[in-house]
């Protein structure tokens, strides 16, 4: 039986995401989000262990928020996507994500 390893609740959140790795800019689709990380659908995943900067819009009923931060590529699948573990988020962004999931 496959055991769930996730520490935070997740939700499907289809939205565009822009990420930067070694000075190069890429676009993908954020399709899974939690307080601890996210999944990017992309044909351009970067190597495991890499640090990326990212930016996306968190759509909410009371107004959209721009979310920016950094994360480490926890795993990737060529031409499919990559899982990102957050490594740097401002306190404000952490609070917005926590509030978002408490309402979900």
PDB file of N, CA and C in Angstrom:
ATOM      1  N   UNK A   1       0.843  -1.182   0.000  1.00  0.00           N
ATOM      2  CA  UNK A   1       0.000   0.000   0.000  1.00  0.00           C
ATOM      3  C   UNK A   1       0.886   1.243   0.000  1.00  0.00           C
ATOM      4  N   UNK A   2       0.532   2.226  -0.803  1.00  0.00           N
ATOM      5  CA  UNK A   2       1.292   3.461  -0.913  1.00  0.00           C
ATOM      6  C   UNK A   2       0.933   4.389   0.239  1.00  0.00           C
ATOM      7  N   UNK A   3       1.905   4.736   1.076  1.00  0.00           N
ATOM      8  CA  UNK A   3       1.643   5.615   2.204  1.00  0.00           C
ATOM      9  C   UNK A   3       1.857   7.060   1.796  1.00  0.00           C
ATOM     10  N   UNK A   4       0.989   7.926   2.267  1.00  0.00           N
ATOM     11  CA  UNK A   4       1.074   9.348   1.994  1.00  0.00           C
ATOM     12  C   UNK A   4       2.229   9.947   2.781  1.00  0.00           C
ATOM     13  N   UNK A   5       3.150  10.655   2.104  1.00  0.00           N
ATOM     14  CA  UNK A   5       4.311  11.256   2.751  1.00  0.00           C
ATOM     15  C   UNK A   5       4.123  12.743   3.023  1.00  0.00           C
ATOM     16  N   UNK A   6       3.087  13.344   2.512  1.00  0.00           N
ATOM     17  CA  UNK A   6       2.918  14.785   2.614  1.00  0.00           C
ATOM     18  C   UNK A   6       2.611  15.209   4.039  1.00  0.00           C
ATOM     19  N   UNK A   7       3.180  16.359   4.421  1.00  0.00           N
ATOM     20  CA  UNK A   7       2.975  16.896   5.759  1.00  0.00           C
ATOM     21  C   UNK A   7       1.883  17.954   5.813  1.00  0.00           C
ATOM     22  N   UNK A   8       1.514  18.500   4.649  1.00  0.00           N
ATOM     23  CA  UNK A   8       0.518  19.567   4.588  1.00  0.00           C
ATOM     24  C   UNK A   8      -0.596  19.178   3.629  1.00  0.00           C
ATOM     25  N   UNK A   9      -1.827  19.635   3.915  1.00  0.00           N
ATOM     26  CA  UNK A   9      -2.907  19.378   2.962  1.00  0.00           C
ATOM     27  C   UNK A   9      -2.591  20.022   1.617  1.00  0.00           C
ATOM     28  N   UNK A  10      -3.042  19.383   0.539  1.00  0.00           N
ATOM     29  CA  UNK A  10      -2.791  19.901  -0.794  1.00  0.00           C
ATOM     30  C   UNK A  10      -4.111  20.145  -1.495  1.00  0.00           C
ATOM     31  N   UNK A  11      -4.032  20.989  -2.506  1.00  0.00           N
ATOM     32  CA  UNK A  11      -5.207  21.251  -3.317  1.00  0.00           C
ATOM     33  C   UNK A  11      -4.805  21.541  -4.746  1.00  0.00           C
ATOM     34  N   UNK A  12      -5.678  21.191  -5.656  1.00  0.00           N
ATOM     35  CA  UNK A  12      -5.430  21.490  -7.068  1.00  0.00           C
ATOM     36  C   UNK A  12      -5.670  22.976  -7.290  1.00  0.00           C
ATOM     37  N   UNK A  13      -4.705  23.646  -7.811  1.00  0.00           N
ATOM     38  CA  UNK A  13      -4.776  25.080  -8.054  1.00  0.00           C
ATOM     39  C   UNK A  13      -4.165  25.360  -9.419  1.00  0.00           C
ATOM     40  N   UNK A  14      -4.941  25.214 -10.474  1.00  0.00           N
ATOM     41  CA  UNK A  14      -4.405  25.408 -11.818  1.00  0.00           C
ATOM     42  C   UNK A  14      -4.231  26.895 -12.107  1.00  0.00           C
ATOM     43  N   UNK A  15      -2.999  27.333 -12.228  1.00  0.00           N
ATOM     44  CA  UNK A  15      -2.693  28.719 -12.556  1.00  0.00           C
ATOM     45  C   UNK A  15      -1.309  28.771 -13.183  1.00  0.00           C
ATOM     46  N   UNK A  16      -1.039  29.840 -13.887  1.00  0.00           N
ATOM     47  CA  UNK A  16       0.278  30.014 -14.496  1.00  0.00           C
ATOM     48  C   UNK A  16       1.311  30.308 -13.410  1.00  0.00           C
ATOM     49  N   UNK A  17       2.529  29.842 -13.624  1.00  0.00           N
ATOM     50  CA  UNK A  17       3.628  30.123 -12.708  1.00  0.00           C
ATOM     51  C   UNK A  17       4.865  30.429 -13.544  1.00  0.00           C
ATOM     52  N   UNK A  18       5.632  31.401 -13.095  1.00  0.00           N
ATOM     53  CA  UNK A  18       6.896  31.753 -13.734  1.00  0.00           C
ATOM     54  C   UNK A  18       7.993  31.373 -12.754  1.00  0.00           C
ATOM     55  N   UNK A  19       9.047  30.736 -13.250  1.00  0.00           N
ATOM     56  CA  UNK A  19      10.160  30.382 -12.375  1.00  0.00           C
ATOM     57  C   UNK A  19      11.482  30.683 -13.058  1.00  0.00           C
ATOM     58  N   UNK A  20      12.499  30.928 -12.231  1.00  0.00           N
ATOM     59  CA  UNK A  20      13.827  31.294 -12.706  1.00  0.00           C
ATOM     60  C   UNK A  20      14.837  30.319 -12.133  1.00  0.00           C
ATOM     61  N   UNK A  21      15.745  29.873 -12.998  1.00  0.00           N
ATOM     62  CA  UNK A  21      16.830  28.989 -12.578  1.00  0.00           C
ATOM     63  C   UNK A  21      18.087  29.417 -13.317  1.00  0.00           C
ATOM     64  N   UNK A  22      19.130  29.726 -12.560  1.00  0.00           N
ATOM     65  CA  UNK A  22      20.416  30.146 -13.120  1.00  0.00           C
ATOM     66  C   UNK A  22      20.250  31.253 -14.160  1.00  0.00           C
ATOM     67  N   UNK A  23      19.412  32.233 -13.840  1.00  0.00           N
ATOM     68  CA  UNK A  23      19.227  33.391 -14.704  1.00  0.00           C
ATOM     69  C   UNK A  23      18.294  33.193 -15.883  1.00  0.00           C
ATOM     70  N   UNK A  24      17.797  31.989 -16.087  1.00  0.00           N
ATOM     71  CA  UNK A  24      16.868  31.714 -17.185  1.00  0.00           C
ATOM     72  C   UNK A  24      15.436  31.700 -16.657  1.00  0.00           C
ATOM     73  N   UNK A  25      14.517  32.259 -17.441  1.00  0.00           N
ATOM     74  CA  UNK A  25      13.111  32.341 -17.045  1.00  0.00           C
ATOM     75  C   UNK A  25      12.294  31.298 -17.797  1.00  0.00           C
ATOM     76  N   UNK A  26      11.398  30.644 -17.066  1.00  0.00           N
ATOM     77  CA  UNK A  26      10.544  29.606 -17.631  1.00  0.00           C
ATOM     78  C   UNK A  26       9.104  29.845 -17.195  1.00  0.00           C
ATOM     79  N   UNK A  27       8.172  29.280 -17.935  1.00  0.00           N
ATOM     80  CA  UNK A  27       6.764  29.315 -17.556  1.00  0.00           C
ATOM     81  C   UNK A  27       6.250  27.892 -17.447  1.00  0.00           C
ATOM     82  N   UNK A  28       5.311  27.703 -16.546  1.00  0.00           N
ATOM     83  CA  UNK A  28       4.687  26.401 -16.372  1.00  0.00           C
ATOM     84  C   UNK A  28       3.290  26.583 -15.825  1.00  0.00           C
ATOM     85  N   UNK A  29       2.723  25.494 -15.377  1.00  0.00           N
ATOM     86  CA  UNK A  29       1.387  25.510 -14.797  1.00  0.00           C
ATOM     87  C   UNK A  29       1.466  24.922 -13.399  1.00  0.00           C
ATOM     88  N   UNK A  30       1.078  25.712 -12.427  1.00  0.00           N
ATOM     89  CA  UNK A  30       1.026  25.233 -11.052  1.00  0.00           C
ATOM     90  C   UNK A  30      -0.248  24.401 -10.935  1.00  0.00           C
ATOM     91  N   UNK A  31      -0.089  23.119 -10.605  1.00  0.00           N
ATOM     92  CA  UNK A  31      -1.278  22.267 -10.550  1.00  0.00           C
ATOM     93  C   UNK A  31      -1.519  21.653  -9.179  1.00  0.00           C
ATOM     94  N   UNK A  32      -0.631  21.899  -8.235  1.00  0.00           N
ATOM     95  CA  UNK A  32      -0.790  21.348  -6.889  1.00  0.00           C
ATOM     96  C   UNK A  32      -0.056  22.276  -5.935  1.00  0.00           C
ATOM     97  N   UNK A  33      -0.700  22.643  -4.842  1.00  0.00           N
ATOM     98  CA  UNK A  33      -0.135  23.619  -3.918  1.00  0.00           C
ATOM     99  C   UNK A  33      -0.438  23.204  -2.488  1.00  0.00           C
ATOM    100  N   UNK A  34       0.541  23.397  -1.598  1.00  0.00           N
ATOM    101  CA  UNK A  34       0.336  23.182  -0.167  1.00  0.00           C
ATOM    102  C   UNK A  34       1.116  24.251   0.581  1.00  0.00           C
ATOM    103  N   UNK A  35       1.042  24.227   1.903  1.00  0.00           N
ATOM    104  CA  UNK A  35       1.826  25.168   2.696  1.00  0.00           C
ATOM    105  C   UNK A  35       3.316  24.866   2.613  1.00  0.00           C
ATOM    106  N   UNK A  36       3.682  23.647   2.203  1.00  0.00           N
ATOM    107  CA  UNK A  36       5.089  23.253   2.170  1.00  0.00           C
ATOM    108  C   UNK A  36       5.728  23.202   0.802  1.00  0.00           C
ATOM    109  N   UNK A  37       4.908  23.289  -0.260  1.00  0.00           N
ATOM    110  CA  UNK A  37       5.498  23.197  -1.591  1.00  0.00           C
ATOM    111  C   UNK A  37       4.456  23.223  -2.684  1.00  0.00           C
ATOM    112  N   UNK A  38       4.903  22.934  -3.907  1.00  0.00           N
ATOM    113  CA  UNK A  38       4.011  22.975  -5.055  1.00  0.00           C
ATOM    114  C   UNK A  38       4.519  22.054  -6.151  1.00  0.00           C
ATOM    115  N   UNK A  39       3.667  21.824  -7.135  1.00  0.00           N
ATOM    116  CA  UNK A  39       4.039  21.028  -8.307  1.00  0.00           C
ATOM    117  C   UNK A  39       3.868  21.894  -9.539  1.00  0.00           C
ATOM    118  N   UNK A  40       4.875  21.883 -10.406  1.00  0.00           N
ATOM    119  CA  UNK A  40       4.833  22.643 -11.649  1.00  0.00           C
ATOM    120  C   UNK A  40       4.779  21.674 -12.821  1.00  0.00           C
ATOM    121  N   UNK A  41       3.707  21.771 -13.613  1.00  0.00           N
ATOM    122  CA  UNK A  41       3.641  21.064 -14.893  1.00  0.00           C
ATOM    123  C   UNK A  41       4.498  21.860 -15.866  1.00  0.00           C
ATOM    124  N   UNK A  42       5.547  21.244 -16.413  1.00  0.00           N
ATOM    125  CA  UNK A  42       6.432  21.942 -17.337  1.00  0.00           C
ATOM    126  C   UNK A  42       7.211  20.944 -18.177  1.00  0.00           C
ATOM    127  N   UNK A  43       7.505  21.324 -19.398  1.00  0.00           N
ATOM    128  CA  UNK A  43       8.375  20.478 -20.217  1.00  0.00           C
ATOM    129  C   UNK A  43       9.836  20.807 -19.945  1.00  0.00           C
ATOM    130  N   UNK A  44      10.074  21.811 -19.076  1.00  0.00           N
ATOM    131  CA  UNK A  44      11.432  22.253 -18.759  1.00  0.00           C
ATOM    132  C   UNK A  44      11.781  22.088 -17.284  1.00  0.00           C
ATOM    133  N   UNK A  45      11.649  20.906 -16.692  1.00  0.00           N
ATOM    134  CA  UNK A  45      12.036  20.772 -15.285  1.00  0.00           C
ATOM    135  C   UNK A  45      13.545  20.930 -15.144  1.00  0.00           C
ATOM    136  N   UNK A  46      13.964  21.458 -14.014  1.00  0.00           N
ATOM    137  CA  UNK A  46      15.399  21.621 -13.755  1.00  0.00           C
ATOM    138  C   UNK A  46      15.864  20.477 -12.858  1.00  0.00           C
ATOM    139  N   UNK A  47      17.169  20.261 -12.744  1.00  0.00           N
ATOM    140  CA  UNK A  47      17.680  19.102 -11.997  1.00  0.00           C
ATOM    141  C   UNK A  47      17.262  19.089 -10.521  1.00  0.00           C
ATOM    142  N   UNK A  48      17.073  17.887  -9.991  1.00  0.00           N
ATOM    143  CA  UNK A  48      16.790  17.714  -8.563  1.00  0.00           C
ATOM    144  C   UNK A  48      17.856  18.414  -7.744  1.00  0.00           C
ATOM    145  N   UNK A  49      17.430  19.034  -6.653  1.00  0.00           N
ATOM    146  CA  UNK A  49      18.344  19.741  -5.770  1.00  0.00           C
ATOM    147  C   UNK A  49      18.561  21.190  -6.153  1.00  0.00           C
ATOM    148  N   UNK A  50      18.160  21.581  -7.358  1.00  0.00           N
ATOM    149  CA  UNK A  50      18.316  22.969  -7.808  1.00  0.00           C
ATOM    150  C   UNK A  50      17.399  23.887  -7.013  1.00  0.00           C
ATOM    151  N   UNK A  51      17.826  25.127  -6.861  1.00  0.00           N
ATOM    152  CA  UNK A  51      17.004  26.151  -6.223  1.00  0.00           C
ATOM    153  C   UNK A  51      16.413  27.024  -7.318  1.00  0.00           C
ATOM    154  N   UNK A  52      15.108  27.256  -7.242  1.00  0.00           N
ATOM    155  CA  UNK A  52      14.439  28.134  -8.195  1.00  0.00           C
ATOM    156  C   UNK A  52      13.747  29.267  -7.443  1.00  0.00           C
ATOM    157  N   UNK A  53      13.567  30.384  -8.125  1.00  0.00           N
ATOM    158  CA  UNK A  53      12.699  31.458  -7.654  1.00  0.00           C
ATOM    159  C   UNK A  53      11.405  31.325  -8.442  1.00  0.00           C
ATOM    160  N   UNK A  54      10.271  31.629  -7.812  1.00  0.00           N
ATOM    161  CA  UNK A  54       8.988  31.473  -8.499  1.00  0.00           C
ATOM    162  C   UNK A  54       8.051  32.615  -8.159  1.00  0.00           C
ATOM    163  N   UNK A  55       7.036  32.754  -9.016  1.00  0.00           N
ATOM    164  CA  UNK A  55       6.012  33.792  -8.833  1.00  0.00           C
ATOM    165  C   UNK A  55       4.723  33.288  -9.471  1.00  0.00           C
ATOM    166  N   UNK A  56       3.617  33.404  -8.724  1.00  0.00           N
ATOM    167  CA  UNK A  56       2.304  33.047  -9.260  1.00  0.00           C
ATOM    168  C   UNK A  56       1.231  33.855  -8.545  1.00  0.00           C
ATOM    169  N   UNK A  57       0.034  33.830  -9.093  1.00  0.00           N
ATOM    170  CA  UNK A  57      -1.098  34.535  -8.500  1.00  0.00           C
ATOM    171  C   UNK A  57      -1.978  33.517  -7.782  1.00  0.00           C
ATOM    172  N   UNK A  58      -2.226  33.771  -6.504  1.00  0.00           N
ATOM    173  CA  UNK A  58      -3.132  32.947  -5.709  1.00  0.00           C
ATOM    174  C   UNK A  58      -4.519  33.581  -5.803  1.00  0.00           C
ATOM    175  N   UNK A  59      -5.425  32.900  -6.462  1.00  0.00           N
ATOM    176  CA  UNK A  59      -6.772  33.425  -6.695  1.00  0.00           C
ATOM    177  C   UNK A  59      -7.653  33.088  -5.496  1.00  0.00           C
ATOM    178  N   UNK A  60      -8.272  34.133  -4.933  1.00  0.00           N
ATOM    179  CA  UNK A  60      -9.154  33.943  -3.786  1.00  0.00           C
ATOM    180  C   UNK A  60     -10.401  34.796  -3.946  1.00  0.00           C
ATOM    181  N   UNK A  61     -11.437  34.469  -3.202  1.00  0.00           N
ATOM    182  CA  UNK A  61     -12.704  35.197  -3.286  1.00  0.00           C
ATOM    183  C   UNK A  61     -12.548  36.662  -2.902  1.00  0.00           C
ATOM    184  N   UNK A  62     -11.717  36.940  -1.900  1.00  0.00           N
ATOM    185  CA  UNK A  62     -11.576  38.306  -1.404  1.00  0.00           C
ATOM    186  C   UNK A  62     -10.446  39.079  -2.085  1.00  0.00           C
ATOM    187  N   UNK A  63      -9.912  38.566  -3.172  1.00  0.00           N
ATOM    188  CA  UNK A  63      -8.856  39.265  -3.912  1.00  0.00           C
ATOM    189  C   UNK A  63      -7.659  38.379  -4.167  1.00  0.00           C
ATOM    190  N   UNK A  64      -7.027  38.617  -5.285  1.00  0.00           N
ATOM    191  CA  UNK A  64      -5.868  37.817  -5.671  1.00  0.00           C
ATOM    192  C   UNK A  64      -4.604  38.314  -4.981  1.00  0.00           C
ATOM    193  N   UNK A  65      -3.666  37.401  -4.738  1.00  0.00           N
ATOM    194  CA  UNK A  65      -2.383  37.731  -4.116  1.00  0.00           C
ATOM    195  C   UNK A  65      -1.255  37.222  -4.992  1.00  0.00           C
ATOM    196  N   UNK A  66      -0.215  38.029  -5.124  1.00  0.00           N
ATOM    197  CA  UNK A  66       0.986  37.564  -5.815  1.00  0.00           C
ATOM    198  C   UNK A  66       1.851  36.846  -4.790  1.00  0.00           C
ATOM    199  N   UNK A  67       2.218  35.621  -5.110  1.00  0.00           N
ATOM    200  CA  UNK A  67       3.045  34.797  -4.230  1.00  0.00           C
ATOM    201  C   UNK A  67       4.417  34.649  -4.875  1.00  0.00           C
ATOM    202  N   UNK A  68       5.446  35.030  -4.136  1.00  0.00           N
ATOM    203  CA  UNK A  68       6.824  34.893  -4.607  1.00  0.00           C
ATOM    204  C   UNK A  68       7.632  34.174  -3.548  1.00  0.00           C
ATOM    205  N   UNK A  69       8.610  33.409  -3.987  1.00  0.00           N
ATOM    206  CA  UNK A  69       9.475  32.725  -3.042  1.00  0.00           C
ATOM    207  C   UNK A  69      10.548  31.941  -3.757  1.00  0.00           C
ATOM    208  N   UNK A  70      11.213  31.099  -2.986  1.00  0.00           N
ATOM    209  CA  UNK A  70      12.229  30.202  -3.524  1.00  0.00           C
ATOM    210  C   UNK A  70      11.945  28.795  -3.035  1.00  0.00           C
ATOM    211  N   UNK A  71      12.393  27.831  -3.819  1.00  0.00           N
ATOM    212  CA  UNK A  71      12.204  26.443  -3.439  1.00  0.00           C
ATOM    213  C   UNK A  71      13.267  25.549  -4.043  1.00  0.00           C
ATOM    214  N   UNK A  72      13.367  24.359  -3.475  1.00  0.00           N
ATOM    215  CA  UNK A  72      14.317  23.339  -3.948  1.00  0.00           C
ATOM    216  C   UNK A  72      13.542  22.289  -4.732  1.00  0.00           C
ATOM    217  N   UNK A  73      14.100  21.882  -5.868  1.00  0.00           N
ATOM    218  CA  UNK A  73      13.470  20.836  -6.669  1.00  0.00           C
ATOM    219  C   UNK A  73      13.650  19.516  -5.923  1.00  0.00           C
ATOM    220  N   UNK A  74      12.556  18.995  -5.369  1.00  0.00           N
ATOM    221  CA  UNK A  74      12.601  17.754  -4.594  1.00  0.00           C
ATOM    222  C   UNK A  74      12.659  16.534  -5.508  1.00  0.00           C
ATOM    223  N   UNK A  75      12.010  16.628  -6.660  1.00  0.00           N
ATOM    224  CA  UNK A  75      12.012  15.548  -7.649  1.00  0.00           C
ATOM    225  C   UNK A  75      11.531  16.123  -8.972  1.00  0.00           C
ATOM    226  N   UNK A  76      11.848  15.440 -10.056  1.00  0.00           N
ATOM    227  CA  UNK A  76      11.390  15.886 -11.367  1.00  0.00           C
ATOM    228  C   UNK A  76      11.237  14.708 -12.309  1.00  0.00           C
ATOM    229  N   UNK A  77      10.396  14.925 -13.298  1.00  0.00           N
ATOM    230  CA  UNK A  77      10.191  13.936 -14.360  1.00  0.00           C
ATOM    231  C   UNK A  77      10.379  14.662 -15.686  1.00  0.00           C
ATOM    232  N   UNK A  78      11.341  14.225 -16.509  1.00  0.00           N
ATOM    233  CA  UNK A  78      11.609  14.913 -17.775  1.00  0.00           C
ATOM    234  C   UNK A  78      10.345  15.096 -18.614  1.00  0.00           C
ATOM    235  N   UNK A  79      10.185  16.294 -19.140  1.00  0.00           N
ATOM    236  CA  UNK A  79       9.074  16.675 -20.021  1.00  0.00           C
ATOM    237  C   UNK A  79       7.704  16.597 -19.355  1.00  0.00           C
ATOM    238  N   UNK A  80       7.663  16.437 -18.024  1.00  0.00           N
ATOM    239  CA  UNK A  80       6.379  16.378 -17.314  1.00  0.00           C
ATOM    240  C   UNK A  80       6.260  17.453 -16.249  1.00  0.00           C
ATOM    241  N   UNK A  81       7.234  17.528 -15.353  1.00  0.00           N
ATOM    242  CA  UNK A  81       7.129  18.512 -14.295  1.00  0.00           C
ATOM    243  C   UNK A  81       8.057  18.231 -13.139  1.00  0.00           C
ATOM    244  N   UNK A  82       7.850  18.995 -12.050  1.00  0.00           N
ATOM    245  CA  UNK A  82       8.732  18.876 -10.888  1.00  0.00           C
ATOM    246  C   UNK A  82       8.008  19.296  -9.618  1.00  0.00           C
ATOM    247  N   UNK A  83       8.396  18.639  -8.521  1.00  0.00           N
ATOM    248  CA  UNK A  83       7.893  18.970  -7.200  1.00  0.00           C
ATOM    249  C   UNK A  83       8.870  19.903  -6.512  1.00  0.00           C
ATOM    250  N   UNK A  84       8.354  20.967  -5.925  1.00  0.00           N
ATOM    251  CA  UNK A  84       9.170  21.996  -5.292  1.00  0.00           C
ATOM    252  C   UNK A  84       8.855  22.059  -3.802  1.00  0.00           C
ATOM    253  N   UNK A  85       9.894  22.006  -2.968  1.00  0.00           N
ATOM    254  CA  UNK A  85       9.748  22.213  -1.523  1.00  0.00           C
ATOM    255  C   UNK A  85      10.166  23.651  -1.219  1.00  0.00           C
ATOM    256  N   UNK A  86       9.302  24.407  -0.557  1.00  0.00           N
ATOM    257  CA  UNK A  86       9.625  25.799  -0.256  1.00  0.00           C
ATOM    258  C   UNK A  86      10.864  25.885   0.636  1.00  0.00           C
ATOM    259  N   UNK A  87      11.762  26.802   0.299  1.00  0.00           N
ATOM    260  CA  UNK A  87      12.938  27.059   1.128  1.00  0.00           C
ATOM    261  C   UNK A  87      12.962  28.490   1.644  1.00  0.00           C
ATOM    262  N   UNK A  88      12.319  29.396   0.923  1.00  0.00           N
ATOM    263  CA  UNK A  88      12.284  30.789   1.366  1.00  0.00           C
ATOM    264  C   UNK A  88      10.960  31.429   0.970  1.00  0.00           C
ATOM    265  N   UNK A  89      10.185  31.786   1.997  1.00  0.00           N
ATOM    266  CA  UNK A  89       8.942  32.531   1.824  1.00  0.00           C
ATOM    267  C   UNK A  89       8.925  33.625   2.874  1.00  0.00           C
ATOM    268  N   UNK A  90       8.411  34.783   2.535  1.00  0.00           N
ATOM    269  CA  UNK A  90       8.268  35.833   3.538  1.00  0.00           C
ATOM    270  C   UNK A  90       7.207  35.400   4.551  1.00  0.00           C
ATOM    271  N   UNK A  91       7.233  36.017   5.724  1.00  0.00           N
ATOM    272  CA  UNK A  91       6.216  35.712   6.736  1.00  0.00           C
ATOM    273  C   UNK A  91       4.821  36.022   6.203  1.00  0.00           C
ATOM    274  N   UNK A  92       4.699  37.108   5.434  1.00  0.00           N
ATOM    275  CA  UNK A  92       3.410  37.488   4.863  1.00  0.00           C
ATOM    276  C   UNK A  92       2.888  36.405   3.918  1.00  0.00           C
ATOM    277  N   UNK A  93       3.758  35.879   3.059  1.00  0.00           N
ATOM    278  CA  UNK A  93       3.350  34.822   2.127  1.00  0.00           C
ATOM    279  C   UNK A  93       2.956  33.566   2.897  1.00  0.00           C
ATOM    280  N   UNK A  94       3.729  33.194   3.909  1.00  0.00           N
ATOM    281  CA  UNK A  94       3.375  32.019   4.723  1.00  0.00           C
ATOM    282  C   UNK A  94       1.995  32.195   5.362  1.00  0.00           C
ATOM    283  N   UNK A  95       1.756  33.393   5.889  1.00  0.00           N
ATOM    284  CA  UNK A  95       0.460  33.674   6.517  1.00  0.00           C
ATOM    285  C   UNK A  95      -0.680  33.586   5.503  1.00  0.00           C
ATOM    286  N   UNK A  96      -0.467  34.110   4.286  1.00  0.00           N
ATOM    287  CA  UNK A  96      -1.512  34.047   3.258  1.00  0.00           C
ATOM    288  C   UNK A  96      -1.798  32.607   2.847  1.00  0.00           C
ATOM    289  N   UNK A  97      -0.748  31.789   2.709  1.00  0.00           N
ATOM    290  CA  UNK A  97      -0.962  30.382   2.360  1.00  0.00           C
ATOM    291  C   UNK A  97      -1.697  29.645   3.475  1.00  0.00           C
ATOM    292  N   UNK A  98      -1.288  29.905   4.715  1.00  0.00           N
ATOM    293  CA  UNK A  98      -1.950  29.257   5.855  1.00  0.00           C
ATOM    294  C   UNK A  98      -3.433  29.642   5.896  1.00  0.00           C
ATOM    295  N   UNK A  99      -3.725  30.923   5.702  1.00  0.00           N
ATOM    296  CA  UNK A  99      -5.117  31.380   5.699  1.00  0.00           C
ATOM    297  C   UNK A  99      -5.886  30.768   4.531  1.00  0.00           C
ATOM    298  N   UNK A 100      -5.250  30.673   3.392  1.00  0.00           N
ATOM    299  CA  UNK A 100      -5.888  30.086   2.207  1.00  0.00           C
ATOM    300  C   UNK A 100      -6.316  28.644   2.482  1.00  0.00           C
ATOM    301  N   UNK A 101      -5.436  27.864   3.086  1.00  0.00           N
ATOM    302  CA  UNK A 101      -5.763  26.458   3.337  1.00  0.00           C
ATOM    303  C   UNK A 101      -6.710  26.278   4.515  1.00  0.00           C
ATOM    304  N   UNK A 102      -6.743  27.233   5.433  1.00  0.00           N
ATOM    305  CA  UNK A 102      -7.698  27.115   6.539  1.00  0.00           C
ATOM    306  C   UNK A 102      -9.123  27.367   6.052  1.00  0.00           C
ATOM    307  N   UNK A 103      -9.266  28.101   4.940  1.00  0.00           N
ATOM    308  CA  UNK A 103     -10.594  28.364   4.364  1.00  0.00           C
ATOM    309  C   UNK A 103     -11.012  27.286   3.374  1.00  0.00           C
ATOM    310  N   UNK A 104     -10.052  26.520   2.884  1.00  0.00           N
ATOM    311  CA  UNK A 104     -10.352  25.530   1.828  1.00  0.00           C
ATOM    312  C   UNK A 104     -11.177  24.377   2.344  1.00  0.00           C
TER     313      UNK A 104
END
